[in-house]
Amino acid sequence: MLQDHCASELRVHLANSLPLPSTVNRPRIDLIVFVINLHSKYSLRNVEECLSHVDSSFFLGKVCFLATGAGQENHCSIHQNTVIKLAHTYRSPLLFCDLEVESFRAIVAQRLVRMLQICAGHVPGISAVNLLSLLRRSDSPPSKEL
């Protein structure tokens, strides 16, 4: 999804789980996107297990949750409120996406690329720490009310 929408200065690496192997020489990590398939309880368990391997400093704007399968609620094994609470617990942005719909895929890819550009320092005047407040909708409740 992201490879078609990424600017040339951004590199995207995929991992199925954490921790990453320490023997691999890799570039700095600017953003971690945890993908949760709402149709799979295993997906949520895997993300929950991986979260313990992420340094707490990353939760200052460099972690995002992406919930897929949101368009088919009747087939979901994971309730959307569960994922909302998880994102709230880690004070991290949450995006919902139905990957079956091309227009939704393109919009979410654009948002993720923009988030990555911000986290990588490619957007002057905006830092990763500001992401949560920038992504919050004006009609959403303050974080302590979620």
N, C-alpha and C. Protein backbone atom coordinates (compact mmCIF):
# COMPACT_ATOMS: atom_id res chain seq x y z
N MET A 1 0.82 -1.19 0.00
CA MET A 1 0.00 0.00 0.00
C MET A 1 0.87 1.26 0.00
N LEU A 2 1.88 1.29 0.86
CA LEU A 2 2.69 2.50 0.98
C LEU A 2 3.71 2.63 -0.14
N GLN A 3 4.17 1.54 -0.70
CA GLN A 3 5.22 1.62 -1.69
C GLN A 3 4.80 2.43 -2.91
N ASP A 4 3.52 2.41 -3.25
CA ASP A 4 3.04 3.18 -4.39
C ASP A 4 2.92 4.66 -4.08
N HIS A 5 2.82 5.02 -2.79
CA HIS A 5 2.55 6.40 -2.39
C HIS A 5 3.74 7.08 -1.71
N CYS A 6 4.84 6.39 -1.51
CA CYS A 6 5.97 6.95 -0.78
C CYS A 6 6.81 7.86 -1.66
N ALA A 7 7.19 8.95 -1.08
CA ALA A 7 8.13 9.84 -1.74
C ALA A 7 9.49 9.14 -1.79
N SER A 8 10.33 9.53 -2.72
CA SER A 8 11.60 8.83 -2.92
C SER A 8 12.54 8.93 -1.72
N GLU A 9 12.43 9.98 -0.90
CA GLU A 9 13.35 10.13 0.23
C GLU A 9 12.94 9.28 1.44
N LEU A 10 11.81 8.60 1.36
CA LEU A 10 11.34 7.78 2.47
C LEU A 10 11.53 6.30 2.16
N ARG A 11 11.97 5.56 3.17
CA ARG A 11 12.13 4.11 3.01
C ARG A 11 11.19 3.41 3.97
N VAL A 12 10.49 2.42 3.48
CA VAL A 12 9.54 1.66 4.30
C VAL A 12 10.07 0.24 4.44
N HIS A 13 10.14 -0.23 5.68
CA HIS A 13 10.55 -1.59 5.97
C HIS A 13 9.42 -2.28 6.72
N LEU A 14 9.16 -3.51 6.37
CA LEU A 14 8.07 -4.26 7.00
C LEU A 14 8.63 -5.35 7.89
N ALA A 15 7.98 -5.57 9.03
CA ALA A 15 8.35 -6.64 9.95
C ALA A 15 7.07 -7.30 10.44
N ASN A 16 7.10 -8.61 10.57
CA ASN A 16 5.92 -9.34 11.05
C ASN A 16 5.79 -9.30 12.56
N SER A 17 6.91 -9.10 13.24
CA SER A 17 6.87 -9.07 14.70
C SER A 17 8.11 -8.36 15.24
N LEU A 18 8.09 -8.08 16.52
CA LEU A 18 9.22 -7.47 17.22
C LEU A 18 9.67 -8.43 18.31
N PRO A 19 10.88 -8.35 18.75
CA PRO A 19 11.92 -7.38 18.41
C PRO A 19 12.55 -7.68 17.05
N LEU A 20 13.12 -6.64 16.47
CA LEU A 20 13.86 -6.81 15.22
C LEU A 20 15.21 -7.44 15.53
N PRO A 21 15.75 -8.20 14.61
CA PRO A 21 17.07 -8.80 14.84
C PRO A 21 18.13 -7.72 15.07
N SER A 22 18.96 -7.88 16.05
CA SER A 22 19.97 -6.86 16.37
C SER A 22 21.17 -6.94 15.44
N THR A 23 21.31 -8.01 14.69
CA THR A 23 22.46 -8.17 13.80
C THR A 23 22.28 -7.45 12.47
N VAL A 24 21.12 -6.92 12.21
CA VAL A 24 20.84 -6.27 10.93
C VAL A 24 21.22 -4.79 11.02
N ASN A 25 21.95 -4.32 10.00
CA ASN A 25 22.29 -2.90 9.91
C ASN A 25 21.12 -2.20 9.24
N ARG A 26 20.47 -1.31 9.95
CA ARG A 26 19.28 -0.65 9.41
C ARG A 26 19.31 0.84 9.70
N PRO A 27 18.56 1.60 8.92
CA PRO A 27 18.49 3.04 9.17
C PRO A 27 17.68 3.35 10.42
N ARG A 28 17.71 4.59 10.83
CA ARG A 28 16.93 5.06 11.98
C ARG A 28 15.45 4.75 11.74
N ILE A 29 14.74 4.41 12.80
CA ILE A 29 13.30 4.15 12.72
C ILE A 29 12.57 5.42 13.11
N ASP A 30 11.79 5.97 12.18
CA ASP A 30 11.08 7.22 12.42
C ASP A 30 9.63 7.01 12.82
N LEU A 31 9.02 5.91 12.39
CA LEU A 31 7.61 5.66 12.68
C LEU A 31 7.37 4.15 12.70
N ILE A 32 6.64 3.71 13.70
CA ILE A 32 6.21 2.31 13.77
C ILE A 32 4.70 2.30 13.61
N VAL A 33 4.23 1.56 12.63
CA VAL A 33 2.79 1.41 12.41
C VAL A 33 2.42 -0.03 12.76
N PHE A 34 1.60 -0.18 13.78
CA PHE A 34 1.10 -1.50 14.17
C PHE A 34 -0.20 -1.73 13.43
N VAL A 35 -0.24 -2.76 12.59
CA VAL A 35 -1.42 -3.07 11.80
C VAL A 35 -2.22 -4.15 12.52
N ILE A 36 -3.48 -3.85 12.78
CA ILE A 36 -4.37 -4.79 13.46
C ILE A 36 -5.51 -5.13 12.51
N ASN A 37 -5.60 -6.40 12.16
CA ASN A 37 -6.70 -6.87 11.32
C ASN A 37 -7.89 -7.15 12.25
N LEU A 38 -8.95 -6.39 12.10
CA LEU A 38 -10.11 -6.53 12.99
C LEU A 38 -10.81 -7.88 12.83
N HIS A 39 -10.43 -8.65 11.83
CA HIS A 39 -11.03 -9.96 11.60
C HIS A 39 -10.21 -11.08 12.25
N SER A 40 -9.13 -10.72 12.95
CA SER A 40 -8.24 -11.74 13.50
C SER A 40 -7.81 -11.40 14.93
N LYS A 41 -8.22 -12.23 15.88
CA LYS A 41 -7.78 -12.01 17.26
C LYS A 41 -6.28 -12.24 17.39
N TYR A 42 -5.72 -13.10 16.55
CA TYR A 42 -4.28 -13.32 16.55
C TYR A 42 -3.53 -12.02 16.23
N SER A 43 -4.07 -11.24 15.32
CA SER A 43 -3.45 -9.97 14.94
C SER A 43 -3.33 -9.05 16.14
N LEU A 44 -4.40 -8.92 16.92
CA LEU A 44 -4.37 -8.08 18.12
C LEU A 44 -3.38 -8.63 19.14
N ARG A 45 -3.38 -9.94 19.36
CA ARG A 45 -2.44 -10.55 20.31
C ARG A 45 -1.00 -10.29 19.90
N ASN A 46 -0.72 -10.42 18.61
CA ASN A 46 0.64 -10.20 18.11
C ASN A 46 1.08 -8.76 18.36
N VAL A 47 0.20 -7.80 18.09
CA VAL A 47 0.52 -6.39 18.33
C VAL A 47 0.76 -6.16 19.82
N GLU A 48 -0.11 -6.70 20.67
CA GLU A 48 0.05 -6.52 22.11
C GLU A 48 1.38 -7.08 22.60
N GLU A 49 1.79 -8.23 22.06
CA GLU A 49 3.08 -8.82 22.42
C GLU A 49 4.24 -7.95 21.94
N CYS A 50 4.11 -7.38 20.75
CA CYS A 50 5.18 -6.56 20.18
C CYS A 50 5.35 -5.23 20.92
N LEU A 51 4.28 -4.71 21.47
CA LEU A 51 4.35 -3.41 22.14
C LEU A 51 5.38 -3.39 23.27
N SER A 52 5.57 -4.50 23.94
CA SER A 52 6.53 -4.53 25.06
C SER A 52 7.97 -4.38 24.57
N HIS A 53 8.21 -4.55 23.29
CA HIS A 53 9.57 -4.44 22.73
C HIS A 53 9.87 -3.03 22.20
N VAL A 54 8.92 -2.13 22.33
CA VAL A 54 9.11 -0.77 21.82
C VAL A 54 9.52 0.14 22.97
N ASP A 55 10.60 0.88 22.77
CA ASP A 55 11.07 1.82 23.78
C ASP A 55 9.98 2.86 24.04
N SER A 56 9.80 3.22 25.29
CA SER A 56 8.73 4.15 25.66
C SER A 56 8.86 5.51 24.98
N SER A 57 10.06 5.91 24.59
CA SER A 57 10.22 7.21 23.92
C SER A 57 9.53 7.24 22.56
N PHE A 58 9.31 6.08 21.94
CA PHE A 58 8.63 6.05 20.65
C PHE A 58 7.17 6.44 20.77
N PHE A 59 6.60 6.29 21.95
CA PHE A 59 5.19 6.61 22.10
C PHE A 59 4.96 8.12 22.21
N LEU A 60 5.99 8.88 22.00
CA LEU A 60 5.87 10.35 21.92
C LEU A 60 5.74 10.75 20.46
N GLY A 61 4.79 10.16 19.77
CA GLY A 61 4.49 10.56 18.40
C GLY A 61 5.05 9.69 17.31
N LYS A 62 5.77 8.63 17.63
CA LYS A 62 6.38 7.82 16.59
C LYS A 62 5.77 6.42 16.47
N VAL A 63 4.59 6.25 17.07
CA VAL A 63 3.85 5.00 16.95
C VAL A 63 2.45 5.32 16.49
N CYS A 64 1.93 4.50 15.60
CA CYS A 64 0.58 4.66 15.09
C CYS A 64 -0.05 3.27 14.99
N PHE A 65 -1.35 3.21 15.18
CA PHE A 65 -2.09 1.96 15.00
C PHE A 65 -2.96 2.10 13.76
N LEU A 66 -3.00 1.05 12.95
CA LEU A 66 -3.82 1.00 11.76
C LEU A 66 -4.72 -0.22 11.87
N ALA A 67 -6.02 0.00 11.98
CA ALA A 67 -6.99 -1.09 12.08
C ALA A 67 -7.60 -1.33 10.71
N THR A 68 -7.40 -2.53 10.18
CA THR A 68 -7.92 -2.86 8.86
C THR A 68 -9.18 -3.71 9.00
N GLY A 69 -9.99 -3.72 7.96
CA GLY A 69 -11.22 -4.50 7.98
C GLY A 69 -12.38 -3.77 8.62
N ALA A 70 -12.24 -2.48 8.80
CA ALA A 70 -13.27 -1.70 9.49
C ALA A 70 -14.57 -1.60 8.69
N GLY A 71 -14.51 -1.80 7.40
CA GLY A 71 -15.70 -1.68 6.57
C GLY A 71 -16.64 -2.86 6.65
N GLN A 72 -16.20 -3.95 7.26
CA GLN A 72 -17.01 -5.17 7.35
C GLN A 72 -17.21 -5.53 8.81
N GLU A 73 -17.92 -4.67 9.53
CA GLU A 73 -18.09 -4.84 10.97
C GLU A 73 -18.72 -6.18 11.35
N ASN A 74 -19.60 -6.70 10.53
CA ASN A 74 -20.27 -7.96 10.88
C ASN A 74 -19.32 -9.16 10.85
N HIS A 75 -18.14 -9.01 10.26
CA HIS A 75 -17.15 -10.09 10.21
C HIS A 75 -16.01 -9.91 11.22
N CYS A 76 -16.08 -8.85 12.02
CA CYS A 76 -14.98 -8.52 12.93
C CYS A 76 -14.94 -9.45 14.14
N SER A 77 -13.74 -9.89 14.48
CA SER A 77 -13.50 -10.67 15.69
C SER A 77 -13.09 -9.75 16.84
N ILE A 78 -12.67 -8.56 16.50
CA ILE A 78 -12.20 -7.58 17.49
C ILE A 78 -13.12 -6.36 17.40
N HIS A 79 -13.65 -5.95 18.51
CA HIS A 79 -14.52 -4.78 18.52
C HIS A 79 -13.67 -3.52 18.36
N GLN A 80 -14.18 -2.55 17.63
CA GLN A 80 -13.44 -1.32 17.39
C GLN A 80 -13.07 -0.61 18.68
N ASN A 81 -13.92 -0.69 19.71
CA ASN A 81 -13.61 -0.04 20.99
C ASN A 81 -12.36 -0.62 21.63
N THR A 82 -12.08 -1.90 21.40
CA THR A 82 -10.87 -2.52 21.93
C THR A 82 -9.63 -1.86 21.36
N VAL A 83 -9.65 -1.61 20.07
CA VAL A 83 -8.51 -0.98 19.40
C VAL A 83 -8.41 0.50 19.79
N ILE A 84 -9.55 1.15 19.94
CA ILE A 84 -9.55 2.55 20.38
C ILE A 84 -8.93 2.67 21.75
N LYS A 85 -9.27 1.76 22.67
CA LYS A 85 -8.70 1.79 24.02
C LYS A 85 -7.20 1.52 23.99
N LEU A 86 -6.78 0.60 23.13
CA LEU A 86 -5.35 0.29 23.01
C LEU A 86 -4.58 1.53 22.55
N ALA A 87 -5.06 2.19 21.51
CA ALA A 87 -4.40 3.40 21.02
C ALA A 87 -4.40 4.49 22.09
N HIS A 88 -5.49 4.61 22.82
CA HIS A 88 -5.57 5.60 23.89
C HIS A 88 -4.58 5.28 25.00
N THR A 89 -4.46 4.02 25.36
CA THR A 89 -3.53 3.61 26.41
C THR A 89 -2.10 4.02 26.07
N TYR A 90 -1.74 3.89 24.80
CA TYR A 90 -0.38 4.24 24.37
C TYR A 90 -0.29 5.66 23.82
N ARG A 91 -1.37 6.42 23.96
CA ARG A 91 -1.40 7.82 23.51
C ARG A 91 -0.88 7.95 22.08
N SER A 92 -1.39 7.08 21.21
CA SER A 92 -0.93 7.03 19.83
C SER A 92 -2.11 7.15 18.88
N PRO A 93 -1.87 7.72 17.71
CA PRO A 93 -2.94 7.87 16.72
C PRO A 93 -3.45 6.52 16.24
N LEU A 94 -4.71 6.50 15.85
CA LEU A 94 -5.36 5.30 15.33
C LEU A 94 -6.07 5.67 14.04
N LEU A 95 -5.80 4.89 13.00
CA LEU A 95 -6.48 5.05 11.72
C LEU A 95 -7.26 3.77 11.43
N PHE A 96 -8.47 3.91 10.93
CA PHE A 96 -9.26 2.77 10.49
C PHE A 96 -9.25 2.75 8.98
N CYS A 97 -9.21 1.55 8.40
CA CYS A 97 -9.15 1.44 6.94
C CYS A 97 -9.81 0.16 6.49
N ASP A 98 -10.50 0.25 5.38
CA ASP A 98 -11.01 -0.93 4.69
C ASP A 98 -10.11 -1.12 3.47
N LEU A 99 -9.20 -2.06 3.53
CA LEU A 99 -8.22 -2.25 2.46
C LEU A 99 -8.83 -2.77 1.17
N GLU A 100 -10.08 -3.21 1.25
CA GLU A 100 -10.75 -3.71 0.05
C GLU A 100 -11.19 -2.57 -0.88
N VAL A 101 -11.24 -1.36 -0.36
CA VAL A 101 -11.70 -0.21 -1.15
C VAL A 101 -10.49 0.64 -1.54
N GLU A 102 -10.24 0.72 -2.83
CA GLU A 102 -9.04 1.41 -3.34
C GLU A 102 -8.95 2.85 -2.87
N SER A 103 -10.07 3.59 -2.88
CA SER A 103 -10.01 5.00 -2.49
C SER A 103 -9.63 5.14 -1.01
N PHE A 104 -10.12 4.25 -0.14
CA PHE A 104 -9.74 4.28 1.27
C PHE A 104 -8.27 3.95 1.44
N ARG A 105 -7.81 2.96 0.68
CA ARG A 105 -6.40 2.56 0.74
C ARG A 105 -5.50 3.73 0.38
N ALA A 106 -5.87 4.44 -0.68
CA ALA A 106 -5.05 5.57 -1.14
C ALA A 106 -5.03 6.69 -0.10
N ILE A 107 -6.16 6.98 0.50
CA ILE A 107 -6.23 8.05 1.51
C ILE A 107 -5.40 7.70 2.72
N VAL A 108 -5.52 6.46 3.20
CA VAL A 108 -4.75 6.04 4.38
C VAL A 108 -3.26 6.03 4.06
N ALA A 109 -2.90 5.59 2.87
CA ALA A 109 -1.48 5.60 2.47
C ALA A 109 -0.94 7.02 2.48
N GLN A 110 -1.72 7.97 1.97
CA GLN A 110 -1.29 9.37 1.97
C GLN A 110 -1.12 9.89 3.40
N ARG A 111 -2.04 9.53 4.28
CA ARG A 111 -1.93 9.97 5.68
C ARG A 111 -0.70 9.37 6.35
N LEU A 112 -0.45 8.10 6.09
CA LEU A 112 0.73 7.45 6.69
C LEU A 112 2.02 8.05 6.16
N VAL A 113 2.06 8.35 4.88
CA VAL A 113 3.26 8.98 4.31
C VAL A 113 3.47 10.35 4.95
N ARG A 114 2.40 11.12 5.11
CA ARG A 114 2.53 12.44 5.74
C ARG A 114 3.01 12.31 7.18
N MET A 115 2.46 11.33 7.92
CA MET A 115 2.91 11.10 9.29
C MET A 115 4.39 10.73 9.30
N LEU A 116 4.80 9.88 8.38
CA LEU A 116 6.20 9.48 8.30
C LEU A 116 7.09 10.67 7.97
N GLN A 117 6.65 11.52 7.08
CA GLN A 117 7.43 12.72 6.75
C GLN A 117 7.61 13.60 7.99
N ILE A 118 6.55 13.76 8.78
CA ILE A 118 6.62 14.55 10.00
C ILE A 118 7.58 13.90 10.99
N CYS A 119 7.42 12.61 11.20
CA CYS A 119 8.26 11.89 12.18
C CYS A 119 9.73 11.88 11.77
N ALA A 120 9.98 11.89 10.47
CA ALA A 120 11.36 11.89 9.97
C ALA A 120 11.97 13.28 9.96
N GLY A 121 11.17 14.31 10.29
CA GLY A 121 11.69 15.67 10.34
C GLY A 121 11.70 16.37 9.00
N HIS A 122 10.91 15.88 8.03
CA HIS A 122 10.88 16.48 6.70
C HIS A 122 9.85 17.60 6.57
N VAL A 123 9.10 17.88 7.65
CA VAL A 123 8.08 18.94 7.60
C VAL A 123 8.48 20.00 8.63
N PRO A 124 8.97 21.13 8.17
CA PRO A 124 9.41 22.18 9.09
C PRO A 124 8.27 22.68 9.99
N GLY A 125 8.58 22.89 11.24
CA GLY A 125 7.62 23.47 12.17
C GLY A 125 6.67 22.50 12.82
N ILE A 126 6.70 21.22 12.44
CA ILE A 126 5.83 20.20 13.04
C ILE A 126 6.71 19.05 13.49
N SER A 127 6.51 18.61 14.73
CA SER A 127 7.30 17.49 15.24
C SER A 127 6.40 16.29 15.49
N ALA A 128 7.01 15.14 15.67
CA ALA A 128 6.27 13.91 15.94
C ALA A 128 5.43 14.02 17.20
N VAL A 129 5.88 14.79 18.17
CA VAL A 129 5.15 14.95 19.43
C VAL A 129 3.79 15.61 19.19
N ASN A 130 3.68 16.41 18.14
CA ASN A 130 2.43 17.10 17.83
C ASN A 130 1.42 16.24 17.08
N LEU A 131 1.80 15.04 16.66
CA LEU A 131 0.94 14.24 15.80
C LEU A 131 -0.43 13.95 16.40
N LEU A 132 -0.49 13.54 17.65
CA LEU A 132 -1.77 13.17 18.23
C LEU A 132 -2.73 14.34 18.25
N SER A 133 -2.25 15.51 18.61
CA SER A 133 -3.14 16.67 18.62
C SER A 133 -3.53 17.09 17.20
N LEU A 134 -2.65 16.90 16.23
CA LEU A 134 -2.97 17.24 14.85
C LEU A 134 -4.00 16.30 14.25
N LEU A 135 -3.97 15.03 14.67
CA LEU A 135 -4.86 14.03 14.09
C LEU A 135 -6.21 13.96 14.80
N ARG A 136 -6.32 14.52 15.98
CA ARG A 136 -7.58 14.45 16.71
C ARG A 136 -8.62 15.30 15.99
N ARG A 137 -9.78 14.72 15.81
CA ARG A 137 -10.88 15.46 15.19
C ARG A 137 -11.39 16.49 16.18
N SER A 138 -11.93 17.57 15.67
CA SER A 138 -12.43 18.63 16.54
C SER A 138 -13.63 18.18 17.36
N ASP A 139 -14.36 17.17 16.88
CA ASP A 139 -15.53 16.70 17.63
C ASP A 139 -15.22 15.52 18.54
N SER A 140 -13.95 15.08 18.59
CA SER A 140 -13.61 13.96 19.46
C SER A 140 -13.35 14.46 20.87
N PRO A 141 -13.66 13.62 21.88
CA PRO A 141 -13.49 14.05 23.26
C PRO A 141 -12.02 14.14 23.63
N PRO A 142 -11.68 14.92 24.64
CA PRO A 142 -10.31 14.93 25.14
C PRO A 142 -9.89 13.52 25.53
N SER A 143 -8.59 13.24 25.47
CA SER A 143 -8.10 11.88 25.67
C SER A 143 -8.50 11.27 27.00
N LYS A 144 -8.65 12.03 28.07
CA LYS A 144 -8.99 11.41 29.34
C LYS A 144 -10.45 10.98 29.40
N GLU A 145 -11.26 11.38 28.40
CA GLU A 145 -12.67 10.99 28.39
C GLU A 145 -12.92 9.76 27.54
N LEU A 146 -11.93 9.27 26.80
CA LEU A 146 -12.11 8.11 25.93
C LEU A 146 -12.28 6.84 26.72
